[in-house]
Amino acid sequence: MPITAIVLAAGEGTRMKSRHPKVVHKVLDKPLVWWSVRAARDAGVDRVVVVVGNGADEVRASLAGEDVTFVEQTERLGTGHAVRVVRDALGGFQGPVVVLSGDSPLLRADTIKDLIQRTMAAHNACTVLTMTPPDVTGYGRLDFAEDGSVRSIIEHKDCTPEQRERLTECNSSIYCFCGGRLTANIDKIGNDNVQHEYYLTDMVGIYVGMGEPVAAVHVDDYTELLGVNSRSQLAEANKVMQRRINEGLMAEGVSMLDPDSVWVGPDVTVGRDTVLLPLTMLWGKTSIGEGCTVGPNTRLTDTTVGDDCTVDETVAIQATLENDVNCGPRAYLRPGAHLLDGSKAGTHVEIKNSTIGKGSKVPHLSYIGDTTMGEGVNVGAGSITCNYDGVHKNKTFIGDNVFVGSDTMMVAPVSIGDGALVGASSCITRDVPADALAIERSEQKIIEGYASARMARLKKEN
């Protein structure tokens, strides 16, 4: 039977105080709703349906590339109404239906899988995921029958003082339903409440009244079920996920001087014996090999780093560093930067859409853009490839074993042949043949005694 997950992501999230939908705010550089979708997929769910409403286009954009179905809840009349809208859009449910919150990014896939399996094994009409947080204030409480089945869910405001003291098992608002029975009975939810909304929680009471089996699955780690409703809770969720990912990396042989100051996204891979220093952020599909030192103060996004590299105080976006590459401090690698084995991008160096050949070095204070550079090249400090003419981006070609003196402008399109020398402070506007010397500078003039004569003249004028 197919398994369906419904991710509720239509709410406004007013406590976030934001012009953006709550579920697009990020945990470790991924939207809140993305985490729910990923957990469902990793749990083996066949079809993921995301219910959108407030900021629907922005929520859809945040999940671009994900295999999900969007259903819009144009009238936001509660969680029960959202599930009914999905049922109508799909023409009914078959198989288990898991209902997840788009603002609960910490739920593990294994927990969802266990919830589904236990629902199916016991043929439950509904199974509720529950927790016992340190502070139960505000949560709906589960009341159990003597046989352990769920008798009811009582909202905190409706609990008597005795119930608030006795009932400590809390509703997470995450459920697994039998799809057939949900299809047939979802319309029984009413809206006779202060908000005039249709609450999915009411399905528990409906099923109990019908004599249908309702059970609970307790989650020991209550942090899995924490929702995000404020900026403070968003920060807390980031810390929980940060620790979870970092502990997994360290268990696999990655070192961190201070795990609390290292941030690694869920799609990042890091090899053994790599050291991640403080204030390092690794986002997107970044991949780092073995034996590297990354950081401090480094941010890599969708970047590939080989083995035995040093990446110090560097920002890199969609860049590739092969093996034994040295980068930084304070380097900026923009999309398309490709540093081959043994190459170097040094202090205050920016590289964009360029290949730096094996063993070649751009040590400091230089910009290299739209360039193909051969092996064994040395680029002196303050050198620039002038790649933009105001309309087009033009290419620079630098052959093997070229020496470029400091403060050189290479005005593209231009080529410098193998083994050529370029004198310092040159402006190269024409191709340089292999094994040639290119030098372009005006003649230096010296006027003896000029400085003191100038000063005397200025004093006399004043």
Protein backbone atom coordinates (compact mmCIF):
# COMPACT_ATOMS: atom_id res chain seq x y z
CA MET A 1 0.00 0.00 0.00
CA PRO A 2 1.31 3.49 -0.79
CA ILE A 3 2.30 5.68 2.14
CA THR A 4 1.34 9.35 2.02
CA ALA A 5 2.79 12.18 4.11
CA ILE A 6 0.91 15.44 4.47
CA VAL A 7 3.14 18.34 5.51
CA LEU A 8 1.12 21.23 6.93
CA ALA A 9 2.81 24.44 5.78
CA ALA A 10 -0.01 26.92 5.22
CA GLY A 11 0.12 28.96 8.44
CA GLU A 12 1.27 32.54 8.87
CA GLY A 13 3.54 32.13 11.89
CA THR A 14 2.76 35.56 13.31
CA ARG A 15 5.13 35.12 16.25
CA MET A 16 8.09 35.08 13.86
CA LYS A 17 7.42 38.78 13.16
CA SER A 18 8.41 38.28 9.53
CA ARG A 19 7.20 39.20 6.04
CA HIS A 20 8.10 35.65 5.00
CA PRO A 21 6.12 32.45 5.71
CA LYS A 22 7.35 30.78 8.86
CA VAL A 23 8.25 27.50 7.16
CA VAL A 24 10.83 29.10 4.82
CA HIS A 25 12.99 30.30 7.72
CA LYS A 26 16.11 28.19 7.86
CA VAL A 27 17.75 25.60 10.07
CA LEU A 28 21.34 25.00 8.96
CA ASP A 29 20.68 26.80 5.68
CA LYS A 30 17.62 24.67 4.80
CA PRO A 31 13.98 25.81 5.09
CA LEU A 32 12.01 24.41 8.01
CA VAL A 33 9.58 22.68 5.66
CA TRP A 34 12.47 21.02 3.77
CA TRP A 35 13.43 19.09 6.90
CA SER A 36 9.92 17.62 7.21
CA VAL A 37 9.93 16.63 3.55
CA ARG A 38 13.38 15.05 3.85
CA ALA A 39 12.43 13.10 6.98
CA ALA A 40 9.33 11.74 5.24
CA ARG A 41 11.31 10.67 2.19
CA ASP A 42 14.03 9.03 4.30
CA ALA A 43 11.28 7.15 6.18
CA GLY A 44 10.17 5.54 2.91
CA VAL A 45 7.07 7.61 2.22
CA ASP A 46 5.86 7.18 -1.37
CA ARG A 47 4.05 10.49 -1.82
CA VAL A 48 4.66 13.79 -0.02
CA VAL A 49 1.94 16.41 -0.16
CA VAL A 50 2.75 19.92 1.08
CA VAL A 51 -0.22 22.07 2.04
CA VAL A 52 0.49 25.71 1.21
CA GLY A 53 -1.47 28.86 1.94
CA ASN A 54 0.19 31.94 3.34
CA GLY A 55 3.07 32.90 1.03
CA ALA A 56 2.32 29.87 -1.15
CA ASP A 57 4.64 30.88 -3.99
CA GLU A 58 7.56 31.42 -1.62
CA VAL A 59 6.99 28.04 0.03
CA ARG A 60 6.87 26.36 -3.37
CA ALA A 61 10.11 28.09 -4.37
CA SER A 62 11.81 26.93 -1.18
CA LEU A 63 11.17 23.32 -2.23
CA ALA A 64 12.22 23.72 -5.86
CA GLY A 65 13.64 20.44 -7.13
CA GLU A 66 11.95 18.33 -4.44
CA ASP A 67 9.57 15.55 -5.48
CA VAL A 68 6.45 16.84 -3.74
CA THR A 69 2.83 17.61 -4.61
CA PHE A 70 1.48 21.00 -3.56
CA VAL A 71 -2.11 21.49 -2.49
CA GLU A 72 -3.27 25.01 -1.69
CA GLN A 73 -5.54 25.66 1.27
CA THR A 74 -7.12 28.89 0.05
CA GLU A 75 -9.28 29.21 3.17
CA ARG A 76 -7.23 28.40 6.22
CA LEU A 77 -9.81 26.88 8.52
CA GLY A 78 -7.61 24.63 10.65
CA THR A 79 -5.58 21.44 10.44
CA GLY A 80 -8.59 19.18 9.97
CA HIS A 81 -9.73 21.34 7.08
CA ALA A 82 -6.24 21.14 5.54
CA VAL A 83 -6.35 17.34 5.54
CA ARG A 84 -9.84 17.42 4.04
CA VAL A 85 -8.60 19.71 1.24
CA VAL A 86 -5.82 17.20 0.49
CA ARG A 87 -8.28 14.32 0.47
CA ASP A 88 -10.47 16.15 -2.03
CA ALA A 89 -7.48 17.05 -4.21
CA LEU A 90 -6.22 13.45 -4.29
CA GLY A 91 -9.63 11.81 -4.51
CA GLY A 92 -9.16 9.96 -1.23
CA PHE A 93 -6.42 8.16 0.69
CA GLN A 94 -5.15 4.62 0.41
CA GLY A 95 -2.64 3.17 2.81
CA PRO A 96 -1.13 4.93 5.84
CA VAL A 97 -1.30 8.73 6.00
CA VAL A 98 1.26 10.55 8.13
CA VAL A 99 0.47 14.14 9.07
CA LEU A 100 3.57 16.24 9.79
CA SER A 101 4.14 19.85 10.74
CA GLY A 102 6.14 22.04 8.39
CA ASP A 103 7.66 23.79 11.40
CA SER A 104 9.06 20.68 13.15
CA PRO A 105 12.50 20.21 11.59
CA LEU A 106 13.99 17.93 14.24
CA LEU A 107 11.83 14.85 13.69
CA ARG A 108 13.92 11.84 12.67
CA ALA A 109 13.06 9.58 9.76
CA ASP A 110 13.34 6.49 11.98
CA THR A 111 10.67 7.91 14.28
CA ILE A 112 8.28 8.37 11.34
CA LYS A 113 9.04 4.87 10.11
CA ASP A 114 8.33 3.39 13.55
CA LEU A 115 5.07 5.36 13.78
CA ILE A 116 3.92 3.96 10.44
CA GLN A 117 4.92 0.38 11.21
CA ARG A 118 3.19 0.33 14.59
CA THR A 119 0.03 1.84 13.11
CA MET A 120 -0.10 -0.83 10.43
CA ALA A 121 0.79 -3.70 12.78
CA ALA A 122 -2.01 -2.83 15.22
CA HIS A 123 -4.48 -1.77 12.49
CA ASN A 124 -5.00 1.51 14.33
CA ALA A 125 -7.36 4.11 12.97
CA CYS A 126 -4.96 6.71 14.40
CA THR A 127 -1.65 6.69 16.21
CA VAL A 128 -0.43 9.83 17.96
CA LEU A 129 3.23 10.67 18.45
CA THR A 130 3.73 11.86 22.04
CA MET A 131 6.43 13.27 24.31
CA THR A 132 7.09 14.40 27.85
CA PRO A 133 8.93 17.73 27.71
CA PRO A 134 10.40 19.32 30.86
CA ASP A 135 7.70 22.01 30.70
CA VAL A 136 4.31 20.65 29.61
CA THR A 137 2.58 24.02 29.78
CA GLY A 138 0.51 24.74 26.70
CA TYR A 139 0.50 21.21 25.29
CA GLY A 140 -2.56 19.04 24.84
CA ARG A 141 -2.48 16.08 27.29
CA LEU A 142 -3.29 12.47 26.51
CA ASP A 143 -5.62 10.57 28.80
CA PHE A 144 -5.23 6.80 28.55
CA ALA A 145 -7.64 3.97 29.21
CA GLU A 146 -6.65 1.07 31.46
CA ASP A 147 -5.58 -1.02 28.44
CA GLY A 148 -3.15 1.69 27.32
CA SER A 149 -5.24 2.95 24.42
CA VAL A 150 -5.87 6.64 24.02
CA ARG A 151 -9.10 7.81 25.63
CA SER A 152 -8.86 11.49 24.72
CA ILE A 153 -6.63 14.49 24.12
CA ILE A 154 -7.41 17.38 26.45
CA GLU A 155 -6.14 20.83 25.57
CA HIS A 156 -4.10 22.51 28.29
CA LYS A 157 -6.67 25.26 28.83
CA ASP A 158 -9.40 22.65 29.32
CA CYS A 159 -7.49 20.55 31.87
CA THR A 160 -8.57 20.58 35.51
CA PRO A 161 -5.84 21.30 38.10
CA GLU A 162 -5.80 17.57 38.88
CA GLN A 163 -5.37 16.65 35.20
CA ARG A 164 -2.58 19.17 34.72
CA GLU A 165 -0.73 17.50 37.57
CA ARG A 166 -1.45 13.90 36.59
CA LEU A 167 -1.33 13.95 32.80
CA THR A 168 2.19 14.51 31.54
CA GLU A 169 2.09 12.80 28.14
CA CYS A 170 1.82 15.55 25.52
CA ASN A 171 0.45 15.66 22.00
CA SER A 172 3.01 16.47 19.29
CA SER A 173 0.32 17.09 16.61
CA ILE A 174 2.01 14.41 14.49
CA TYR A 175 -0.22 11.50 13.55
CA CYS A 176 -0.45 8.39 11.43
CA PHE A 177 -3.92 7.47 10.15
CA CYS A 178 -5.41 4.55 8.30
CA GLY A 179 -6.06 6.20 4.93
CA GLY A 180 -9.35 4.47 4.18
CA ARG A 181 -10.90 5.30 7.53
CA LEU A 182 -9.57 8.87 7.36
CA THR A 183 -11.14 9.36 3.94
CA ALA A 184 -14.51 8.18 5.25
CA ASN A 185 -14.50 10.11 8.55
CA ILE A 186 -12.60 13.39 8.12
CA ASP A 187 -15.87 15.20 7.38
CA LYS A 188 -17.11 14.42 10.90
CA ILE A 189 -14.83 17.09 12.38
CA GLY A 190 -16.85 20.14 13.42
CA ASN A 191 -15.89 23.74 14.08
CA ASP A 192 -17.86 24.41 17.27
CA ASN A 193 -15.01 26.23 19.01
CA VAL A 194 -13.87 29.76 19.69
CA GLN A 195 -11.81 29.95 16.48
CA HIS A 196 -14.48 28.22 14.36
CA GLU A 197 -11.77 26.00 12.92
CA TYR A 198 -11.63 22.29 12.13
CA TYR A 199 -9.00 20.68 14.34
CA LEU A 200 -7.39 17.38 13.34
CA THR A 201 -7.01 16.57 17.04
CA ASP A 202 -10.78 16.02 17.15
CA MET A 203 -10.34 12.86 15.07
CA VAL A 204 -9.07 11.14 18.21
CA GLY A 205 -12.35 11.72 20.06
CA ILE A 206 -14.36 10.80 16.98
CA TYR A 207 -12.55 7.48 16.60
CA VAL A 208 -12.80 6.65 20.30
CA GLY A 209 -16.53 7.31 20.15
CA MET A 210 -16.77 4.97 17.16
CA GLY A 211 -14.86 2.24 19.00
CA GLU A 212 -11.94 2.47 16.56
CA PRO A 213 -8.46 1.75 17.97
CA VAL A 214 -6.36 4.82 18.80
CA ALA A 215 -2.85 4.44 20.25
CA ALA A 216 0.16 6.55 21.15
CA VAL A 217 3.86 6.15 20.38
CA HIS A 218 6.12 7.85 22.92
CA VAL A 219 9.33 9.53 21.72
CA ASP A 220 12.05 9.52 24.38
CA ASP A 221 13.93 12.49 22.94
CA TYR A 222 11.34 15.22 23.27
CA THR A 223 13.50 17.66 21.25
CA GLU A 224 12.57 15.70 18.09
CA LEU A 225 9.04 17.02 18.39
CA LEU A 226 9.75 20.65 19.18
CA GLY A 227 8.04 23.09 16.86
CA VAL A 228 9.34 26.47 15.77
CA ASN A 229 7.02 29.39 16.44
CA SER A 230 9.46 32.18 17.26
CA ARG A 231 12.97 33.39 16.46
CA SER A 232 14.12 32.05 19.82
CA GLN A 233 12.77 28.58 19.05
CA LEU A 234 14.37 28.77 15.60
CA ALA A 235 17.75 29.37 17.26
CA GLU A 236 17.12 26.45 19.60
CA ALA A 237 16.30 24.15 16.67
CA ASN A 238 19.51 25.23 14.92
CA LYS A 239 21.55 24.30 17.99
CA VAL A 240 19.90 20.89 18.34
CA MET A 241 20.49 20.03 14.69
CA GLN A 242 24.02 21.44 14.82
CA ARG A 243 24.92 19.12 17.70
CA ARG A 244 23.25 16.15 16.03
CA ILE A 245 25.18 16.56 12.76
CA ASN A 246 28.49 17.45 14.41
CA GLU A 247 28.36 14.49 16.76
CA GLY A 248 27.77 12.23 13.76
CA LEU A 249 30.79 13.68 11.93
CA MET A 250 33.06 13.36 14.96
CA ALA A 251 31.97 9.75 15.40
CA GLU A 252 33.21 9.15 11.83
CA GLY A 253 36.68 10.64 12.39
CA VAL A 254 36.27 14.40 11.87
CA SER A 255 37.88 16.70 14.47
CA MET A 256 36.42 19.96 15.76
CA LEU A 257 38.21 22.29 18.12
CA ASP A 258 34.87 23.74 19.22
CA PRO A 259 31.79 21.92 17.88
CA ASP A 260 29.51 24.73 19.07
CA SER A 261 31.13 27.12 16.57
CA VAL A 262 31.04 24.81 13.53
CA TRP A 263 27.93 24.69 11.33
CA VAL A 264 27.43 21.87 8.81
CA GLY A 265 24.42 21.40 6.55
CA PRO A 266 22.64 18.06 6.12
CA ASP A 267 23.94 17.33 2.59
CA VAL A 268 27.62 18.03 3.41
CA THR A 269 30.20 15.22 3.53
CA VAL A 270 33.52 15.44 5.36
CA GLY A 271 36.33 12.88 5.23
CA ARG A 272 38.33 11.37 8.06
CA ASP A 273 41.16 13.23 9.77
CA THR A 274 39.84 16.56 8.55
CA VAL A 275 39.84 19.33 11.14
CA LEU A 276 37.03 21.90 11.18
CA LEU A 277 38.13 25.01 13.07
CA PRO A 278 35.83 27.56 14.76
CA LEU A 279 33.49 29.79 12.76
CA THR A 280 33.36 27.38 9.84
CA MET A 281 30.10 27.05 7.89
CA LEU A 282 29.61 24.31 5.30
CA TRP A 283 26.42 24.60 3.25
CA GLY A 284 24.67 23.01 0.30
CA LYS A 285 26.28 19.96 -1.29
CA THR A 286 29.79 20.79 -0.12
CA SER A 287 32.15 17.81 -0.02
CA ILE A 288 35.49 17.79 1.82
CA GLY A 289 38.06 15.03 1.54
CA GLU A 290 40.41 13.54 4.10
CA GLY A 291 43.22 15.20 6.02
CA CYS A 292 42.12 18.78 5.41
CA THR A 293 42.16 21.78 7.71
CA VAL A 294 39.17 24.07 7.15
CA GLY A 295 38.82 27.38 8.95
CA PRO A 296 38.78 29.35 11.01
CA ASN A 297 36.20 31.84 9.73
CA THR A 298 35.42 29.94 6.53
CA ARG A 299 32.17 29.54 4.58
CA LEU A 300 31.91 26.98 1.77
CA THR A 301 28.74 26.55 -0.28
CA ASP A 302 28.29 23.79 -2.91
CA THR A 303 32.07 23.47 -3.00
CA THR A 304 34.24 20.39 -3.52
CA VAL A 305 37.52 20.10 -1.61
CA GLY A 306 39.93 17.21 -2.20
CA ASP A 307 42.38 15.61 0.24
CA ASP A 308 45.08 17.33 2.31
CA CYS A 309 43.91 20.88 1.60
CA THR A 310 44.20 23.95 3.81
CA VAL A 311 41.27 26.36 3.52
CA ASP A 312 41.85 29.30 5.86
CA GLU A 313 39.47 32.28 6.21
CA THR A 314 37.90 31.60 2.85
CA VAL A 315 34.52 32.14 1.22
CA ALA A 316 33.91 29.70 -1.64
CA ILE A 317 30.74 29.25 -3.69
CA GLN A 318 30.43 26.51 -6.31
CA ALA A 319 34.19 26.12 -6.43
CA THR A 320 36.42 23.06 -6.81
CA LEU A 321 39.70 22.52 -4.96
CA GLU A 322 41.59 19.38 -5.90
CA ASN A 323 44.24 17.78 -3.66
CA ASP A 324 46.90 19.58 -1.61
CA VAL A 325 45.49 23.02 -2.38
CA ASN A 326 46.27 25.96 -0.11
CA CYS A 327 43.69 28.70 0.10
CA GLY A 328 43.55 31.91 2.15
CA PRO A 329 43.57 33.59 4.49
CA ARG A 330 40.84 35.96 3.32
CA ALA A 331 40.34 34.43 -0.12
CA TYR A 332 37.16 34.58 -2.17
CA LEU A 333 36.45 31.78 -4.65
CA ARG A 334 33.43 32.53 -6.80
CA PRO A 335 31.46 30.12 -9.00
CA GLY A 336 33.61 28.28 -11.51
CA ALA A 337 36.88 28.65 -9.61
CA HIS A 338 38.84 25.41 -10.10
CA LEU A 339 42.17 24.97 -8.33
CA LEU A 340 44.16 21.95 -9.47
CA ASP A 341 46.51 19.82 -7.37
CA GLY A 342 49.10 21.73 -5.37
CA SER A 343 47.90 25.17 -6.38
CA LYS A 344 47.48 28.20 -4.15
CA ALA A 345 45.10 31.14 -3.78
CA GLY A 346 46.58 33.37 -1.11
CA THR A 347 45.72 36.39 1.00
CA HIS A 348 43.07 38.74 -0.38
CA VAL A 349 42.80 36.82 -3.65
CA GLU A 350 39.58 36.59 -5.64
CA ILE A 351 39.11 33.96 -8.35
CA LYS A 352 36.06 33.59 -10.58
CA ASN A 353 35.31 31.14 -13.42
CA SER A 354 38.99 30.27 -13.76
CA THR A 355 41.25 27.24 -13.72
CA ILE A 356 44.47 27.50 -11.73
CA GLY A 357 46.89 24.86 -12.99
CA LYS A 358 48.86 22.30 -11.01
CA GLY A 359 51.37 23.92 -8.69
CA SER A 360 50.44 27.43 -9.83
CA LYS A 361 50.26 30.22 -7.29
CA VAL A 362 48.29 33.42 -6.91
CA PRO A 363 49.74 34.35 -3.53
CA HIS A 364 48.22 37.72 -2.64
CA LEU A 365 46.14 40.79 -3.52
CA SER A 366 45.04 39.66 -6.97
CA TYR A 367 41.91 39.14 -9.04
CA ILE A 368 41.77 36.32 -11.59
CA GLY A 369 38.59 36.09 -13.67
CA ASP A 370 37.63 34.09 -16.77
CA THR A 371 41.16 32.71 -16.99
CA THR A 372 42.77 29.43 -17.94
CA MET A 373 46.14 29.12 -16.25
CA GLY A 374 48.70 26.38 -16.88
CA GLU A 375 51.06 24.57 -14.52
CA GLY A 376 53.82 26.16 -12.45
CA VAL A 377 52.64 29.76 -12.91
CA ASN A 378 53.50 32.47 -10.39
CA VAL A 379 51.34 35.60 -10.32
CA GLY A 380 52.86 38.53 -8.43
CA ALA A 381 51.00 40.62 -5.86
CA GLY A 382 48.40 43.10 -7.05
CA SER A 383 47.88 41.56 -10.48
CA ILE A 384 44.53 41.63 -12.25
CA THR A 385 42.99 40.03 -15.30
CA CYS A 386 40.83 42.79 -16.79
CA ASN A 387 38.09 40.52 -18.11
CA TYR A 388 35.13 42.89 -18.52
CA ASP A 389 34.94 45.56 -21.22
CA GLY A 390 31.59 46.90 -20.12
CA VAL A 391 29.63 44.54 -22.35
CA HIS A 392 31.41 41.19 -22.60
CA LYS A 393 33.44 38.95 -20.31
CA ASN A 394 36.70 38.11 -22.09
CA LYS A 395 39.16 35.28 -21.56
CA THR A 396 42.80 35.32 -20.50
CA PHE A 397 45.10 32.37 -21.28
CA ILE A 398 48.33 31.89 -19.34
CA GLY A 399 50.62 29.03 -20.36
CA ASP A 400 52.84 26.77 -18.25
CA ASN A 401 55.67 28.13 -16.13
CA VAL A 402 54.83 31.79 -16.73
CA PHE A 403 56.10 34.43 -14.29
CA VAL A 404 53.86 37.47 -13.92
CA GLY A 405 55.44 40.37 -12.05
CA SER A 406 53.60 42.32 -9.37
CA ASP A 407 51.02 44.98 -10.22
CA THR A 408 50.37 43.65 -13.71
CA MET A 409 47.16 44.30 -15.64
CA MET A 410 46.31 41.63 -18.24
CA VAL A 411 43.65 43.17 -20.48
CA ALA A 412 41.54 40.38 -21.99
CA PRO A 413 41.24 38.90 -24.46
CA VAL A 414 44.93 38.11 -24.22
CA SER A 415 47.28 35.11 -24.19
CA ILE A 416 50.67 34.67 -22.52
CA GLY A 417 52.74 31.81 -23.88
CA ASP A 418 54.62 29.08 -22.02
CA GLY A 419 57.67 30.19 -20.05
CA ALA A 420 57.11 33.91 -20.68
CA LEU A 421 58.14 36.64 -18.24
CA VAL A 422 55.99 39.70 -17.60
CA GLY A 423 57.72 42.64 -15.95
CA ALA A 424 56.23 44.21 -12.85
CA SER A 425 53.80 47.10 -13.27
CA SER A 426 53.01 46.23 -16.88
CA CYS A 427 49.71 46.65 -18.70
CA ILE A 428 49.55 43.74 -21.15
CA THR A 429 47.18 44.41 -24.02
CA ARG A 430 48.71 42.18 -26.71
CA ASP A 431 49.51 38.47 -26.82
CA VAL A 432 52.93 37.50 -25.41
CA PRO A 433 54.82 34.73 -27.25
CA ALA A 434 56.30 31.77 -25.42
CA ASP A 435 59.67 32.31 -23.76
CA ALA A 436 59.44 36.10 -24.27
CA LEU A 437 59.78 39.07 -21.95
CA ALA A 438 56.89 41.51 -21.94
CA ILE A 439 57.31 44.81 -20.18
CA GLU A 440 55.19 47.94 -20.52
CA ARG A 441 55.94 51.01 -18.43
CA SER A 442 56.83 54.65 -19.06
CA GLU A 443 60.43 55.85 -18.73
CA GLN A 444 61.35 56.81 -15.17
CA LYS A 445 62.51 60.41 -14.88
CA ILE A 446 64.61 61.85 -12.04
CA ILE A 447 64.89 65.60 -11.40
CA GLU A 448 67.57 66.30 -8.81
CA GLY A 449 66.65 68.73 -6.00
CA TYR A 450 63.02 69.01 -7.09
CA ALA A 451 61.46 68.20 -3.72
CA SER A 452 63.25 70.92 -1.70
CA ALA A 453 62.78 73.52 -4.46
CA ARG A 454 59.03 72.78 -4.56
CA MET A 455 58.71 73.16 -0.81
CA ALA A 456 60.56 76.50 -0.84
CA ARG A 457 58.29 77.78 -3.59
CA LEU A 458 55.13 76.81 -1.69
CA LYS A 459 56.34 78.54 1.46
CA LYS A 460 57.12 81.70 -0.49
CA GLU A 461 53.64 81.72 -2.06
CA ASN A 462 52.04 81.50 1.37
